[in-house]
Amino acid sequence: MTQLKWRKNEEFGNYILHGDQFYISYQSKPWDPLGAAPSETALVIMNENGVKFLILEGDFRKEYEKRIDSLEECIKFFKENIKHKSKWSDDI
């Protein structure tokens, strides 16, 4: 299993955990002019088609940590939790 190491992105204030060709981003306080946005956990996929942000509202770090060795498992988890999809998320 991959050594789990969340790194803080000082520029944006989010935390990142890297997989192979993707990463997980956790933002405890996303930008919101009203200050009411929930935390967000994003599966960020980078490939020849560009970058795709699959964002769930809430803290799903532990769930993604269990799947970090497999992009397919992370995508499956996102689909299984689609009811938490953020309005800012790309479509799968």
Protein backbone atom coordinates (compact mmCIF):
# COMPACT_ATOMS: atom_id res chain seq x y z
CA MET A 1 0.00 0.00 0.00
CA THR A 2 1.10 3.56 -0.72
CA GLN A 3 2.64 5.53 2.16
CA LEU A 4 -0.12 8.01 3.01
CA LYS A 5 1.03 11.58 3.28
CA TRP A 6 -1.37 14.48 3.08
CA ARG A 7 0.41 17.68 2.05
CA LYS A 8 -0.91 21.18 2.65
CA ASN A 9 -1.15 23.45 -0.38
CA GLU A 10 -0.28 26.81 1.19
CA GLU A 11 -1.59 28.78 -1.79
CA PHE A 12 -5.14 27.43 -1.60
CA GLY A 13 -5.29 26.01 1.94
CA ASN A 14 -6.34 22.53 0.85
CA TYR A 15 -4.70 19.19 1.62
CA ILE A 16 -3.57 16.81 -1.12
CA LEU A 17 -2.93 13.07 -1.22
CA HIS A 18 -1.29 11.81 -4.43
CA GLY A 19 -2.21 8.65 -6.32
CA ASP A 20 -0.99 7.54 -9.76
CA GLN A 21 -2.31 9.95 -12.42
CA PHE A 22 -4.72 11.48 -9.89
CA TYR A 23 -4.90 13.04 -6.45
CA ILE A 24 -7.41 13.64 -3.68
CA SER A 25 -7.95 17.20 -2.48
CA TYR A 26 -9.63 18.09 0.81
CA GLN A 27 -10.83 21.62 1.51
CA SER A 28 -12.31 22.20 4.96
CA LYS A 29 -13.56 25.69 4.15
CA PRO A 30 -14.13 26.16 0.41
CA TRP A 31 -14.46 29.69 -0.88
CA ASP A 32 -18.01 30.89 -0.47
CA PRO A 33 -19.07 34.55 -0.32
CA LEU A 34 -21.77 33.61 2.21
CA GLY A 35 -19.44 31.40 4.25
CA ALA A 36 -21.92 28.54 4.24
CA ALA A 37 -20.19 26.01 1.98
CA PRO A 38 -19.60 22.55 3.45
CA SER A 39 -16.18 20.90 3.35
CA GLU A 40 -15.31 19.24 0.05
CA THR A 41 -13.29 16.21 -1.00
CA ALA A 42 -12.31 16.07 -4.67
CA LEU A 43 -10.99 13.27 -6.82
CA VAL A 44 -8.83 15.10 -9.38
CA ILE A 45 -8.03 13.05 -12.48
CA MET A 46 -5.29 14.16 -14.88
CA ASN A 47 -4.97 12.49 -18.27
CA GLU A 48 -4.62 13.18 -22.00
CA ASN A 49 -8.14 14.66 -22.00
CA GLY A 50 -7.24 17.30 -19.40
CA VAL A 51 -8.23 17.58 -15.74
CA LYS A 52 -11.50 16.42 -14.22
CA PHE A 53 -12.68 17.44 -10.73
CA LEU A 54 -15.11 14.97 -9.13
CA ILE A 55 -16.17 16.76 -5.95
CA LEU A 56 -18.17 15.43 -3.03
CA GLU A 57 -19.51 17.67 -0.28
CA GLY A 58 -18.15 16.48 3.04
CA ASP A 59 -14.99 14.93 4.45
CA PHE A 60 -14.27 11.64 2.65
CA ARG A 61 -10.50 11.52 3.25
CA LYS A 62 -10.57 8.23 5.18
CA GLU A 63 -12.66 6.53 2.50
CA TYR A 64 -10.38 7.69 -0.31
CA GLU A 65 -7.25 6.75 1.66
CA LYS A 66 -8.42 3.12 1.57
CA ARG A 67 -8.65 3.32 -2.23
CA ILE A 68 -5.63 5.53 -3.10
CA ASP A 69 -3.83 2.67 -4.87
CA SER A 70 -6.59 2.37 -7.49
CA LEU A 71 -8.10 5.12 -9.62
CA GLU A 72 -10.89 2.72 -10.60
CA GLU A 73 -11.80 2.17 -6.93
CA CYS A 74 -11.80 5.93 -6.31
CA ILE A 75 -14.13 6.48 -9.28
CA LYS A 76 -16.36 3.68 -8.03
CA PHE A 77 -16.50 5.31 -4.58
CA PHE A 78 -17.44 8.66 -6.15
CA LYS A 79 -20.27 7.01 -8.11
CA GLU A 80 -21.52 5.19 -4.99
CA ASN A 81 -21.71 8.54 -3.16
CA ILE A 82 -23.12 10.64 -6.00
CA LYS A 83 -25.84 11.95 -3.64
CA HIS A 84 -23.07 14.09 -2.07
CA LYS A 85 -21.93 15.52 -5.42
CA SER A 86 -21.05 19.21 -5.28
CA LYS A 87 -22.60 21.64 -7.71
CA TRP A 88 -19.00 22.51 -8.66
CA SER A 89 -18.17 18.93 -9.66
CA ASP A 90 -17.54 17.84 -13.21
CA ASP A 91 -19.77 15.06 -14.49
CA ILE A 92 -18.36 11.55 -14.45
